[in-house]
């Protein structure tokens, strides 16, 4: 089977990341979300067993797909129950696919695993691409590899005179409305404060301030990539300030499960067969067992959005086991392979680079 086409939560600061079946049971039935959770639980069972060194009974953990770096590809958020939790083999886990493998990214923060799931929330700002997490009293930020206590990050002390002036001029309209000057000043001050928090260098701040001028010459060549990274950090700071003020919000940190009516499906057999299939494991975008697992998780989530039923999922499972051929599938469901290919295209389009 080809992995390419056959022809060639609204997010706000106060949103809590609910865990465990009790919270789900109180909600109205949401079959697409239930399918997503079932996939997350299957992937989590594999990742937890490797992390802990032993299989975790299904009744002891809940797992959810989240998207804290807003790249369209899920991270796996897990809570393992244990009345006598030691903070090592139970509690909170967050698995992120980067490079060739999944990494658990909360374990380096003292006490993070022991955080009450009801006291986990999303922060207003992003750092290095990931949204901050509020773990009870600890604000956790991304350090480029994992989450860490934000109080351990170095800050900078900057002269913001030029930036504040340029920012206010850039944001002010030619015919200001009442109260606009105060609002603009507050927004620019918030961004400046954030630049210091994330450790901007004075030269970077001055360059960014200069970019508001019509005569600014945008960097090219070897300087273009660092400039783009600087602009992304500045834009994230601006969005975070808008979130704080209630003016805007980040795009949802959950997934759009499509508008196709879905059935509640069993994905376990498919997710056992898919990652070990040679054309998945050796695809140029995968190339490792963990990346194959992540891609298969995405496929499982996308297939129901293409109208695939349990019968279709079972046929695809047989195909991934090399038990039936393309012709066998077409004879039973002439639209199934086309639906699979659309799901494959969607997943490969958002699959993280190595």
C-alpha atoms as a PDB file:
ATOM      1  CA  UNK A   1       0.000   0.000   0.000  1.00  0.00           C
ATOM      2  CA  UNK A   2       1.224   3.482  -0.793  1.00  0.00           C
ATOM      3  CA  UNK A   3       1.612   5.997   1.969  1.00  0.00           C
ATOM      4  CA  UNK A   4       0.971   8.680  -0.620  1.00  0.00           C
ATOM      5  CA  UNK A   5      -2.072   9.284  -2.808  1.00  0.00           C
ATOM      6  CA  UNK A   6      -3.087   6.568  -5.173  1.00  0.00           C
ATOM      7  CA  UNK A   7      -2.735   8.926  -8.170  1.00  0.00           C
ATOM      8  CA  UNK A   8       0.834  10.125  -7.410  1.00  0.00           C
ATOM      9  CA  UNK A   9      -9.585  23.329  22.859  1.00  0.00           C
ATOM     10  CA  UNK A  10     -10.615  26.734  22.324  1.00  0.00           C
ATOM     11  CA  UNK A  11      -7.397  27.556  24.170  1.00  0.00           C
ATOM     12  CA  UNK A  12      -7.435  30.053  27.035  1.00  0.00           C
ATOM     13  CA  UNK A  13      -5.342  30.526  30.161  1.00  0.00           C
ATOM     14  CA  UNK A  14      -7.975  28.993  32.402  1.00  0.00           C
ATOM     15  CA  UNK A  15      -8.609  25.812  30.403  1.00  0.00           C
ATOM     16  CA  UNK A  16      -7.738  22.777  32.514  1.00  0.00           C
ATOM     17  CA  UNK A  17      -6.426  19.534  31.083  1.00  0.00           C
ATOM     18  CA  UNK A  18      -8.989  17.103  32.449  1.00  0.00           C
ATOM     19  CA  UNK A  19      -7.838  13.598  33.207  1.00  0.00           C
ATOM     20  CA  UNK A  20      -9.367  10.193  33.829  1.00  0.00           C
ATOM     21  CA  UNK A  21     -12.705   8.685  32.993  1.00  0.00           C
ATOM     22  CA  UNK A  22     -14.681  10.482  35.698  1.00  0.00           C
ATOM     23  CA  UNK A  23     -14.409  13.786  33.891  1.00  0.00           C
ATOM     24  CA  UNK A  24     -15.221  12.233  30.525  1.00  0.00           C
ATOM     25  CA  UNK A  25     -18.308  10.480  31.890  1.00  0.00           C
ATOM     26  CA  UNK A  26     -19.823  13.835  32.823  1.00  0.00           C
ATOM     27  CA  UNK A  27     -19.619  15.119  29.260  1.00  0.00           C
ATOM     28  CA  UNK A  28     -22.100  14.473  26.481  1.00  0.00           C
ATOM     29  CA  UNK A  29     -21.028  11.651  24.197  1.00  0.00           C
ATOM     30  CA  UNK A  30     -18.363  12.803  21.775  1.00  0.00           C
ATOM     31  CA  UNK A  31     -17.420   9.857  19.575  1.00  0.00           C
ATOM     32  CA  UNK A  32     -14.577  11.580  17.681  1.00  0.00           C
ATOM     33  CA  UNK A  33     -13.000  12.545  21.009  1.00  0.00           C
ATOM     34  CA  UNK A  34     -13.497   9.004  22.324  1.00  0.00           C
ATOM     35  CA  UNK A  35     -11.721   7.661  19.239  1.00  0.00           C
ATOM     36  CA  UNK A  36      -8.865  10.109  19.782  1.00  0.00           C
ATOM     37  CA  UNK A  37      -8.584   9.078  23.434  1.00  0.00           C
ATOM     38  CA  UNK A  38      -8.591   5.383  22.499  1.00  0.00           C
ATOM     39  CA  UNK A  39      -5.658   5.965  20.124  1.00  0.00           C
ATOM     40  CA  UNK A  40      -3.803   7.984  22.743  1.00  0.00           C
ATOM     41  CA  UNK A  41      -4.270   5.200  25.285  1.00  0.00           C
ATOM     42  CA  UNK A  42      -2.845   2.605  22.919  1.00  0.00           C
ATOM     43  CA  UNK A  43       0.204   4.708  22.111  1.00  0.00           C
ATOM     44  CA  UNK A  44       0.619   5.586  25.790  1.00  0.00           C
ATOM     45  CA  UNK A  45       0.578   1.920  26.787  1.00  0.00           C
ATOM     46  CA  UNK A  46       3.621   1.321  24.572  1.00  0.00           C
ATOM     47  CA  UNK A  47       5.468   4.428  25.734  1.00  0.00           C
ATOM     48  CA  UNK A  48       4.673   3.923  29.412  1.00  0.00           C
ATOM     49  CA  UNK A  49       5.889   0.333  29.400  1.00  0.00           C
ATOM     50  CA  UNK A  50       9.219   1.487  28.020  1.00  0.00           C
ATOM     51  CA  UNK A  51       9.402   4.458  30.387  1.00  0.00           C
ATOM     52  CA  UNK A  52       8.497   2.540  33.535  1.00  0.00           C
ATOM     53  CA  UNK A  53       9.883  -0.862  32.648  1.00  0.00           C
ATOM     54  CA  UNK A  54       6.595  -2.670  33.196  1.00  0.00           C
ATOM     55  CA  UNK A  55       3.156  -2.824  31.607  1.00  0.00           C
ATOM     56  CA  UNK A  56       0.631  -0.461  33.223  1.00  0.00           C
ATOM     57  CA  UNK A  57      -2.861  -1.945  33.675  1.00  0.00           C
ATOM     58  CA  UNK A  58      -5.411  -0.210  31.457  1.00  0.00           C
ATOM     59  CA  UNK A  59      -7.619   0.785  34.383  1.00  0.00           C
ATOM     60  CA  UNK A  60      -4.788   2.747  36.012  1.00  0.00           C
ATOM     61  CA  UNK A  61      -4.128   5.371  33.370  1.00  0.00           C
ATOM     62  CA  UNK A  62      -5.794   7.871  31.061  1.00  0.00           C
ATOM     63  CA  UNK A  63      -4.200   9.353  27.952  1.00  0.00           C
ATOM     64  CA  UNK A  64      -5.056  12.226  25.641  1.00  0.00           C
ATOM     65  CA  UNK A  65      -3.780  13.737  22.418  1.00  0.00           C
ATOM     66  CA  UNK A  66      -2.646  17.338  22.879  1.00  0.00           C
ATOM     67  CA  UNK A  67      -0.745  19.787  20.707  1.00  0.00           C
ATOM     68  CA  UNK A  68       1.347  22.078  22.892  1.00  0.00           C
ATOM     69  CA  UNK A  69       3.636  23.243  20.073  1.00  0.00           C
ATOM     70  CA  UNK A  70       0.688  23.829  17.729  1.00  0.00           C
ATOM     71  CA  UNK A  71       2.323  22.014  14.820  1.00  0.00           C
ATOM     72  CA  UNK A  72      -0.710  19.853  14.027  1.00  0.00           C
ATOM     73  CA  UNK A  73       0.899  16.643  15.308  1.00  0.00           C
ATOM     74  CA  UNK A  74      -0.067  15.250  18.676  1.00  0.00           C
ATOM     75  CA  UNK A  75       1.866  14.849  21.871  1.00  0.00           C
ATOM     76  CA  UNK A  76       0.619  12.190  24.291  1.00  0.00           C
ATOM     77  CA  UNK A  77      -0.456  13.446  27.726  1.00  0.00           C
ATOM     78  CA  UNK A  78      -0.843  10.691  30.337  1.00  0.00           C
ATOM     79  CA  UNK A  79      -1.881  10.346  33.966  1.00  0.00           C
ATOM     80  CA  UNK A  80      -1.094   7.106  35.829  1.00  0.00           C
ATOM     81  CA  UNK A  81      -3.052   6.646  39.055  1.00  0.00           C
ATOM     82  CA  UNK A  82      -1.466   5.305  42.220  1.00  0.00           C
ATOM     83  CA  UNK A  83      -2.631   6.208  45.757  1.00  0.00           C
ATOM     84  CA  UNK A  84       0.990   5.905  46.923  1.00  0.00           C
ATOM     85  CA  UNK A  85       2.603   7.523  43.905  1.00  0.00           C
ATOM     86  CA  UNK A  86       6.387   7.769  44.089  1.00  0.00           C
ATOM     87  CA  UNK A  87       6.579  10.454  41.386  1.00  0.00           C
ATOM     88  CA  UNK A  88       8.633   8.159  39.145  1.00  0.00           C
ATOM     89  CA  UNK A  89       6.436   5.368  37.830  1.00  0.00           C
ATOM     90  CA  UNK A  90       3.113   7.143  38.188  1.00  0.00           C
ATOM     91  CA  UNK A  91       1.545  10.569  37.950  1.00  0.00           C
ATOM     92  CA  UNK A  92       1.855  12.906  34.968  1.00  0.00           C
ATOM     93  CA  UNK A  93       3.778  12.088  31.780  1.00  0.00           C
ATOM     94  CA  UNK A  94       4.053  13.968  28.500  1.00  0.00           C
ATOM     95  CA  UNK A  95       5.563  12.216  25.481  1.00  0.00           C
ATOM     96  CA  UNK A  96       6.819  14.304  22.562  1.00  0.00           C
ATOM     97  CA  UNK A  97       8.057  12.920  19.232  1.00  0.00           C
ATOM     98  CA  UNK A  98      11.252  14.707  18.254  1.00  0.00           C
ATOM     99  CA  UNK A  99      13.940  13.337  16.004  1.00  0.00           C
ATOM    100  CA  UNK A 100      13.780   9.549  15.871  1.00  0.00           C
ATOM    101  CA  UNK A 101      11.996   8.922  19.128  1.00  0.00           C
ATOM    102  CA  UNK A 102       9.438   9.832  21.732  1.00  0.00           C
ATOM    103  CA  UNK A 103      10.831  11.508  24.832  1.00  0.00           C
ATOM    104  CA  UNK A 104       9.135  12.044  28.169  1.00  0.00           C
ATOM    105  CA  UNK A 105       9.497  15.772  28.882  1.00  0.00           C
ATOM    106  CA  UNK A 106       8.140  16.480  32.387  1.00  0.00           C
ATOM    107  CA  UNK A 107      10.329  14.210  34.498  1.00  0.00           C
ATOM    108  CA  UNK A 108      13.169  16.703  35.034  1.00  0.00           C
ATOM    109  CA  UNK A 109      10.916  19.134  36.919  1.00  0.00           C
ATOM    110  CA  UNK A 110      10.945  18.317  40.662  1.00  0.00           C
ATOM    111  CA  UNK A 111       7.475  17.201  41.754  1.00  0.00           C
ATOM    112  CA  UNK A 112       5.929  17.557  38.298  1.00  0.00           C
ATOM    113  CA  UNK A 113       4.665  13.980  38.201  1.00  0.00           C
ATOM    114  CA  UNK A 114       2.863  14.483  41.508  1.00  0.00           C
ATOM    115  CA  UNK A 115       0.849  17.481  40.277  1.00  0.00           C
ATOM    116  CA  UNK A 116      -2.889  17.080  40.730  1.00  0.00           C
ATOM    117  CA  UNK A 117      -4.269  16.854  37.152  1.00  0.00           C
ATOM    118  CA  UNK A 118      -6.989  19.342  38.131  1.00  0.00           C
ATOM    119  CA  UNK A 119      -4.226  21.874  38.811  1.00  0.00           C
ATOM    120  CA  UNK A 120      -2.601  21.612  35.387  1.00  0.00           C
ATOM    121  CA  UNK A 121      -3.340  24.474  33.029  1.00  0.00           C
ATOM    122  CA  UNK A 122      -2.093  26.168  29.890  1.00  0.00           C
ATOM    123  CA  UNK A 123      -0.005  29.293  30.200  1.00  0.00           C
ATOM    124  CA  UNK A 124      -0.435  32.489  28.224  1.00  0.00           C
ATOM    125  CA  UNK A 125       2.938  32.410  26.482  1.00  0.00           C
ATOM    126  CA  UNK A 126       5.034  30.166  24.269  1.00  0.00           C
ATOM    127  CA  UNK A 127       8.766  29.627  24.632  1.00  0.00           C
ATOM    128  CA  UNK A 128      10.817  27.999  21.882  1.00  0.00           C
ATOM    129  CA  UNK A 129       7.623  26.894  20.161  1.00  0.00           C
ATOM    130  CA  UNK A 130       5.761  25.218  23.061  1.00  0.00           C
ATOM    131  CA  UNK A 131       2.991  26.700  25.193  1.00  0.00           C
ATOM    132  CA  UNK A 132       3.900  27.136  28.847  1.00  0.00           C
ATOM    133  CA  UNK A 133       2.295  24.728  31.322  1.00  0.00           C
ATOM    134  CA  UNK A 134       1.111  25.682  34.790  1.00  0.00           C
ATOM    135  CA  UNK A 135       1.788  22.710  37.068  1.00  0.00           C
ATOM    136  CA  UNK A 136       0.112  23.786  40.293  1.00  0.00           C
ATOM    137  CA  UNK A 137       2.456  26.538  41.560  1.00  0.00           C
ATOM    138  CA  UNK A 138       5.213  25.824  39.011  1.00  0.00           C
ATOM    139  CA  UNK A 139       5.244  27.467  35.592  1.00  0.00           C
ATOM    140  CA  UNK A 140       7.006  25.128  33.155  1.00  0.00           C
ATOM    141  CA  UNK A 141       8.525  26.353  29.886  1.00  0.00           C
ATOM    142  CA  UNK A 142      10.168  24.584  26.961  1.00  0.00           C
ATOM    143  CA  UNK A 143      13.966  24.752  26.932  1.00  0.00           C
ATOM    144  CA  UNK A 144      14.423  23.367  23.441  1.00  0.00           C
ATOM    145  CA  UNK A 145      14.407  19.720  24.558  1.00  0.00           C
ATOM    146  CA  UNK A 146      11.907  19.391  27.396  1.00  0.00           C
ATOM    147  CA  UNK A 147       9.866  21.344  29.921  1.00  0.00           C
ATOM    148  CA  UNK A 148      11.746  22.965  32.809  1.00  0.00           C
ATOM    149  CA  UNK A 149      10.880  25.249  35.717  1.00  0.00           C
ATOM    150  CA  UNK A 150      10.629  28.680  34.099  1.00  0.00           C
ATOM    151  CA  UNK A 151      12.301  30.293  37.125  1.00  0.00           C
ATOM    152  CA  UNK A 152      15.559  28.562  36.129  1.00  0.00           C
ATOM    153  CA  UNK A 153      15.712  30.314  32.745  1.00  0.00           C
ATOM    154  CA  UNK A 154      18.085  33.283  32.378  1.00  0.00           C
ATOM    155  CA  UNK A 155      16.455  36.651  31.767  1.00  0.00           C
ATOM    156  CA  UNK A 156      17.972  39.838  30.378  1.00  0.00           C
ATOM    157  CA  UNK A 157      17.933  43.491  31.386  1.00  0.00           C
ATOM    158  CA  UNK A 158      17.308  45.663  28.343  1.00  0.00           C
ATOM    159  CA  UNK A 159      16.955  49.284  27.360  1.00  0.00           C
ATOM    160  CA  UNK A 160      13.505  49.386  25.808  1.00  0.00           C
ATOM    161  CA  UNK A 161      13.347  53.069  24.909  1.00  0.00           C
ATOM    162  CA  UNK A 162      13.750  52.591  21.152  1.00  0.00           C
ATOM    163  CA  UNK A 163      11.500  49.531  21.047  1.00  0.00           C
ATOM    164  CA  UNK A 164       8.648  51.100  23.038  1.00  0.00           C
ATOM    165  CA  UNK A 165       8.706  54.200  20.835  1.00  0.00           C
ATOM    166  CA  UNK A 166       8.781  52.182  17.595  1.00  0.00           C
ATOM    167  CA  UNK A 167       6.130  49.764  18.847  1.00  0.00           C
ATOM    168  CA  UNK A 168       3.756  52.554  19.874  1.00  0.00           C
ATOM    169  CA  UNK A 169       4.159  54.272  16.521  1.00  0.00           C
ATOM    170  CA  UNK A 170       3.593  51.007  14.660  1.00  0.00           C
ATOM    171  CA  UNK A 171       0.435  50.148  16.606  1.00  0.00           C
ATOM    172  CA  UNK A 172      -1.128  53.615  16.686  1.00  0.00           C
ATOM    173  CA  UNK A 173      -3.669  54.587  14.053  1.00  0.00           C
ATOM    174  CA  UNK A 174      -3.697  57.952  12.303  1.00  0.00           C
ATOM    175  CA  UNK A 175      -6.999  58.783  13.995  1.00  0.00           C
ATOM    176  CA  UNK A 176      -6.682  57.286  17.479  1.00  0.00           C
ATOM    177  CA  UNK A 177      -9.824  56.437  19.393  1.00  0.00           C
ATOM    178  CA  UNK A 178     -10.331  57.249  23.057  1.00  0.00           C
ATOM    179  CA  UNK A 179      -8.141  55.098  25.261  1.00  0.00           C
ATOM    180  CA  UNK A 180      -6.049  53.806  22.360  1.00  0.00           C
ATOM    181  CA  UNK A 181      -2.806  55.412  23.563  1.00  0.00           C
ATOM    182  CA  UNK A 182      -3.057  53.670  26.920  1.00  0.00           C
ATOM    183  CA  UNK A 183      -3.890  50.329  25.293  1.00  0.00           C
ATOM    184  CA  UNK A 184      -0.996  50.563  22.854  1.00  0.00           C
ATOM    185  CA  UNK A 185       1.436  51.527  25.591  1.00  0.00           C
ATOM    186  CA  UNK A 186       0.280  48.567  27.691  1.00  0.00           C
ATOM    187  CA  UNK A 187       0.673  46.136  24.781  1.00  0.00           C
ATOM    188  CA  UNK A 188       4.164  47.386  23.925  1.00  0.00           C
ATOM    189  CA  UNK A 189       5.243  47.285  27.563  1.00  0.00           C
ATOM    190  CA  UNK A 190       3.951  43.708  27.881  1.00  0.00           C
ATOM    191  CA  UNK A 191       5.954  42.637  24.827  1.00  0.00           C
ATOM    192  CA  UNK A 192       9.075  44.356  26.135  1.00  0.00           C
ATOM    193  CA  UNK A 193       8.691  42.629  29.497  1.00  0.00           C
ATOM    194  CA  UNK A 194       8.327  39.306  27.728  1.00  0.00           C
ATOM    195  CA  UNK A 195      11.452  39.925  25.641  1.00  0.00           C
ATOM    196  CA  UNK A 196      13.403  40.349  28.878  1.00  0.00           C
ATOM    197  CA  UNK A 197      11.831  37.221  30.359  1.00  0.00           C
ATOM    198  CA  UNK A 198      12.922  35.062  27.418  1.00  0.00           C
ATOM    199  CA  UNK A 199      16.411  36.557  27.386  1.00  0.00           C
ATOM    200  CA  UNK A 200      16.442  38.724  24.285  1.00  0.00           C
ATOM    201  CA  UNK A 201      19.817  40.322  23.564  1.00  0.00           C
ATOM    202  CA  UNK A 202      19.942  44.095  23.240  1.00  0.00           C
ATOM    203  CA  UNK A 203      21.097  43.837  19.631  1.00  0.00           C
ATOM    204  CA  UNK A 204      18.127  41.613  18.775  1.00  0.00           C
ATOM    205  CA  UNK A 205      15.682  44.000  20.433  1.00  0.00           C
ATOM    206  CA  UNK A 206      17.151  46.971  18.601  1.00  0.00           C
ATOM    207  CA  UNK A 207      17.034  45.140  15.280  1.00  0.00           C
ATOM    208  CA  UNK A 208      13.425  44.150  15.836  1.00  0.00           C
ATOM    209  CA  UNK A 209      12.534  47.737  16.778  1.00  0.00           C
ATOM    210  CA  UNK A 210      14.227  48.967  13.590  1.00  0.00           C
ATOM    211  CA  UNK A 211      12.117  46.542  11.519  1.00  0.00           C
ATOM    212  CA  UNK A 212       9.050  48.734  12.139  1.00  0.00           C
ATOM    213  CA  UNK A 213      10.620  51.379   9.899  1.00  0.00           C
ATOM    214  CA  UNK A 214       9.627  51.505   6.237  1.00  0.00           C
ATOM    215  CA  UNK A 215      13.308  51.759   5.335  1.00  0.00           C
ATOM    216  CA  UNK A 216      14.321  48.565   7.144  1.00  0.00           C
ATOM    217  CA  UNK A 217      16.377  46.167   5.011  1.00  0.00           C
ATOM    218  CA  UNK A 218      15.421  42.598   5.865  1.00  0.00           C
ATOM    219  CA  UNK A 219      18.354  40.243   6.506  1.00  0.00           C
ATOM    220  CA  UNK A 220      19.273  37.771   3.788  1.00  0.00           C
ATOM    221  CA  UNK A 221      21.769  34.991   3.318  1.00  0.00           C
ATOM    222  CA  UNK A 222      23.255  33.582   6.518  1.00  0.00           C
ATOM    223  CA  UNK A 223      21.379  36.157   8.597  1.00  0.00           C
ATOM    224  CA  UNK A 224      17.926  35.281   7.276  1.00  0.00           C
ATOM    225  CA  UNK A 225      17.283  32.180   9.407  1.00  0.00           C
ATOM    226  CA  UNK A 226      18.267  33.849  12.733  1.00  0.00           C
ATOM    227  CA  UNK A 227      16.094  36.808  11.768  1.00  0.00           C
ATOM    228  CA  UNK A 228      13.095  34.575  11.115  1.00  0.00           C
ATOM    229  CA  UNK A 229      13.601  32.887  14.486  1.00  0.00           C
ATOM    230  CA  UNK A 230      13.753  36.306  16.152  1.00  0.00           C
ATOM    231  CA  UNK A 231      10.543  37.405  14.456  1.00  0.00           C
ATOM    232  CA  UNK A 232       8.796  34.170  15.499  1.00  0.00           C
ATOM    233  CA  UNK A 233       9.779  34.722  19.146  1.00  0.00           C
ATOM    234  CA  UNK A 234       8.579  38.327  18.922  1.00  0.00           C
ATOM    235  CA  UNK A 235       5.278  37.297  17.345  1.00  0.00           C
ATOM    236  CA  UNK A 236       4.752  34.655  20.038  1.00  0.00           C
ATOM    237  CA  UNK A 237       5.398  37.301  22.699  1.00  0.00           C
ATOM    238  CA  UNK A 238       2.801  39.541  21.050  1.00  0.00           C
ATOM    239  CA  UNK A 239       0.224  36.770  20.896  1.00  0.00           C
ATOM    240  CA  UNK A 240       0.884  35.886  24.530  1.00  0.00           C
ATOM    241  CA  UNK A 241       0.288  39.492  25.542  1.00  0.00           C
ATOM    242  CA  UNK A 242      -2.978  39.462  23.595  1.00  0.00           C
ATOM    243  CA  UNK A 243      -3.976  36.268  25.429  1.00  0.00           C
ATOM    244  CA  UNK A 244      -3.231  37.896  28.775  1.00  0.00           C
ATOM    245  CA  UNK A 245      -5.368  40.915  27.876  1.00  0.00           C
ATOM    246  CA  UNK A 246      -8.195  38.800  26.501  1.00  0.00           C
ATOM    247  CA  UNK A 247      -7.786  40.299  23.046  1.00  0.00           C
ATOM    248  CA  UNK A 248      -6.872  37.014  21.362  1.00  0.00           C
ATOM    249  CA  UNK A 249      -6.076  33.370  22.002  1.00  0.00           C
ATOM    250  CA  UNK A 250      -3.793  30.703  20.688  1.00  0.00           C
ATOM    251  CA  UNK A 251      -5.203  28.307  18.160  1.00  0.00           C
ATOM    252  CA  UNK A 252      -6.688  25.271  19.925  1.00  0.00           C
ATOM    253  CA  UNK A 253      -4.268  22.824  21.539  1.00  0.00           C
ATOM    254  CA  UNK A 254      -6.582  19.977  20.595  1.00  0.00           C
ATOM    255  CA  UNK A 255      -7.579  18.448  17.288  1.00  0.00           C
ATOM    256  CA  UNK A 256     -10.277  19.001  14.733  1.00  0.00           C
ATOM    257  CA  UNK A 257     -11.700  15.548  14.186  1.00  0.00           C
ATOM    258  CA  UNK A 258     -13.510  16.444  10.993  1.00  0.00           C
ATOM    259  CA  UNK A 259     -17.192  16.852  10.223  1.00  0.00           C
ATOM    260  CA  UNK A 260     -17.769  13.261   9.129  1.00  0.00           C
ATOM    261  CA  UNK A 261     -20.098  11.315  11.418  1.00  0.00           C
ATOM    262  CA  UNK A 262     -18.033   8.631  13.125  1.00  0.00           C
ATOM    263  CA  UNK A 263     -18.564   5.307  14.803  1.00  0.00           C
ATOM    264  CA  UNK A 264     -16.704   4.430  17.966  1.00  0.00           C
ATOM    265  CA  UNK A 265     -13.864   2.199  16.759  1.00  0.00           C
ATOM    266  CA  UNK A 266     -11.371  -0.282  18.169  1.00  0.00           C
ATOM    267  CA  UNK A 267      -7.890   0.707  16.963  1.00  0.00           C
ATOM    268  CA  UNK A 268      -5.699  -1.664  18.966  1.00  0.00           C
ATOM    269  CA  UNK A 269      -5.204  -4.335  16.308  1.00  0.00           C
ATOM    270  CA  UNK A 270      -4.466  -1.722  13.637  1.00  0.00           C
ATOM    271  CA  UNK A 271      -1.959   0.011  15.911  1.00  0.00           C
ATOM    272  CA  UNK A 272      -0.226  -3.307  16.568  1.00  0.00           C
ATOM    273  CA  UNK A 273       0.084  -4.104  12.865  1.00  0.00           C
ATOM    274  CA  UNK A 274       0.810  -0.695  11.364  1.00  0.00           C
ATOM    275  CA  UNK A 275       4.137   0.321  13.011  1.00  0.00           C
ATOM    276  CA  UNK A 276       5.897  -2.942  12.097  1.00  0.00           C
ATOM    277  CA  UNK A 277       4.795  -2.922   8.460  1.00  0.00           C
ATOM    278  CA  UNK A 278       7.880  -2.477   6.284  1.00  0.00           C
ATOM    279  CA  UNK A 279       6.471   0.260   4.036  1.00  0.00           C
ATOM    280  CA  UNK A 280       5.658   2.307   7.150  1.00  0.00           C
ATOM    281  CA  UNK A 281       8.859   1.659   9.057  1.00  0.00           C
ATOM    282  CA  UNK A 282      11.154   2.362   6.105  1.00  0.00           C
ATOM    283  CA  UNK A 283       9.329   5.360   4.653  1.00  0.00           C
ATOM    284  CA  UNK A 284      11.719   8.296   4.254  1.00  0.00           C
ATOM    285  CA  UNK A 285       9.672  10.337   6.734  1.00  0.00           C
ATOM    286  CA  UNK A 286       9.696   7.651   9.412  1.00  0.00           C
ATOM    287  CA  UNK A 287      12.765   5.424   9.581  1.00  0.00           C
ATOM    288  CA  UNK A 288      12.472   4.502  13.263  1.00  0.00           C
ATOM    289  CA  UNK A 289      10.011   2.454  15.364  1.00  0.00           C
ATOM    290  CA  UNK A 290       8.843   5.496  17.345  1.00  0.00           C
ATOM    291  CA  UNK A 291       8.262   7.609  14.253  1.00  0.00           C
ATOM    292  CA  UNK A 292       6.347   4.691  12.716  1.00  0.00           C
ATOM    293  CA  UNK A 293       4.257   4.475  15.890  1.00  0.00           C
ATOM    294  CA  UNK A 294       3.520   8.200  15.762  1.00  0.00           C
ATOM    295  CA  UNK A 295       2.576   8.107  12.097  1.00  0.00           C
ATOM    296  CA  UNK A 296       0.283   5.133  12.664  1.00  0.00           C
ATOM    297  CA  UNK A 297      -1.389   6.943  15.538  1.00  0.00           C
ATOM    298  CA  UNK A 298      -2.084   9.843  13.201  1.00  0.00           C
ATOM    299  CA  UNK A 299      -3.411   7.486  10.524  1.00  0.00           C
ATOM    300  CA  UNK A 300      -5.750   5.859  13.016  1.00  0.00           C
ATOM    301  CA  UNK A 301      -7.129   9.255  14.032  1.00  0.00           C
ATOM    302  CA  UNK A 302      -7.514  10.480  10.447  1.00  0.00           C
ATOM    303  CA  UNK A 303      -9.178   7.367   9.026  1.00  0.00           C
ATOM    304  CA  UNK A 304     -12.565   7.894  10.737  1.00  0.00           C
ATOM    305  CA  UNK A 305     -12.613  11.480   9.442  1.00  0.00           C
ATOM    306  CA  UNK A 306     -12.594   9.921   5.961  1.00  0.00           C
ATOM    307  CA  UNK A 307     -15.651   7.834   6.805  1.00  0.00           C
ATOM    308  CA  UNK A 308     -13.807   4.575   7.585  1.00  0.00           C
ATOM    309  CA  UNK A 309     -15.902   2.211   9.717  1.00  0.00           C
ATOM    310  CA  UNK A 310     -14.846  -0.695  11.928  1.00  0.00           C
ATOM    311  CA  UNK A 311     -15.192  -3.029   8.966  1.00  0.00           C
ATOM    312  CA  UNK A 312     -12.821  -0.850   6.978  1.00  0.00           C
ATOM    313  CA  UNK A 313     -10.387  -0.602   9.887  1.00  0.00           C
ATOM    314  CA  UNK A 314     -10.361  -4.379  10.197  1.00  0.00           C
ATOM    315  CA  UNK A 315      -9.675  -4.746   6.465  1.00  0.00           C
ATOM    316  CA  UNK A 316      -6.769  -2.306   6.706  1.00  0.00           C
ATOM    317  CA  UNK A 317      -5.433  -4.238   9.692  1.00  0.00           C
ATOM    318  CA  UNK A 318      -5.442  -7.409   7.613  1.00  0.00           C
ATOM    319  CA  UNK A 319      -3.678  -5.558   4.826  1.00  0.00           C
ATOM    320  CA  UNK A 320      -0.997  -4.247   7.176  1.00  0.00           C
ATOM    321  CA  UNK A 321      -0.479  -7.826   8.332  1.00  0.00           C
ATOM    322  CA  UNK A 322       0.060  -8.848   4.668  1.00  0.00           C
ATOM    323  CA  UNK A 323      -2.975 -11.115   4.859  1.00  0.00           C
ATOM    324  CA  UNK A 324      -4.876  -9.511   1.957  1.00  0.00           C
ATOM    325  CA  UNK A 325      -4.025  -7.499  -1.168  1.00  0.00           C
ATOM    326  CA  UNK A 326      -5.179  -4.236  -2.725  1.00  0.00           C
ATOM    327  CA  UNK A 327      -7.475  -6.229  -4.979  1.00  0.00           C
ATOM    328  CA  UNK A 328      -8.995  -8.018  -1.977  1.00  0.00           C
ATOM    329  CA  UNK A 329      -9.760  -4.677  -0.322  1.00  0.00           C
ATOM    330  CA  UNK A 330     -11.201  -3.171  -3.522  1.00  0.00           C
ATOM    331  CA  UNK A 331     -13.453  -6.193  -3.947  1.00  0.00           C
ATOM    332  CA  UNK A 332     -14.969  -5.583  -0.499  1.00  0.00           C
ATOM    333  CA  UNK A 333     -14.843  -1.781  -0.294  1.00  0.00           C
ATOM    334  CA  UNK A 334     -13.941   0.117  -3.442  1.00  0.00           C
ATOM    335  CA  UNK A 335     -13.556   3.449  -1.575  1.00  0.00           C
ATOM    336  CA  UNK A 336     -11.426   2.265   1.344  1.00  0.00           C
ATOM    337  CA  UNK A 337      -7.969   2.655  -0.219  1.00  0.00           C
ATOM    338  CA  UNK A 338      -8.806   6.149  -1.450  1.00  0.00           C
ATOM    339  CA  UNK A 339      -9.897   7.090   2.082  1.00  0.00           C
ATOM    340  CA  UNK A 340      -6.681   5.596   3.453  1.00  0.00           C
ATOM    341  CA  UNK A 341      -4.578   7.571   0.990  1.00  0.00           C
ATOM    342  CA  UNK A 342      -6.277  10.837   1.940  1.00  0.00           C
ATOM    343  CA  UNK A 343      -5.568  10.085   5.594  1.00  0.00           C
ATOM    344  CA  UNK A 344      -1.952   9.261   4.718  1.00  0.00           C
ATOM    345  CA  UNK A 345      -1.520  12.530   2.850  1.00  0.00           C
ATOM    346  CA  UNK A 346      -2.936  14.489   5.791  1.00  0.00           C
ATOM    347  CA  UNK A 347      -0.600  12.794   8.269  1.00  0.00           C
ATOM    348  CA  UNK A 348       2.533  13.117   6.154  1.00  0.00           C
ATOM    349  CA  UNK A 349       1.798  16.800   5.610  1.00  0.00           C
ATOM    350  CA  UNK A 350       1.920  17.486   9.341  1.00  0.00           C
ATOM    351  CA  UNK A 351       4.484  14.868  10.358  1.00  0.00           C
ATOM    352  CA  UNK A 352       7.449  16.448  12.214  1.00  0.00           C
ATOM    353  CA  UNK A 353      10.822  16.530  10.507  1.00  0.00           C
ATOM    354  CA  UNK A 354      13.643  14.440  11.919  1.00  0.00           C
END
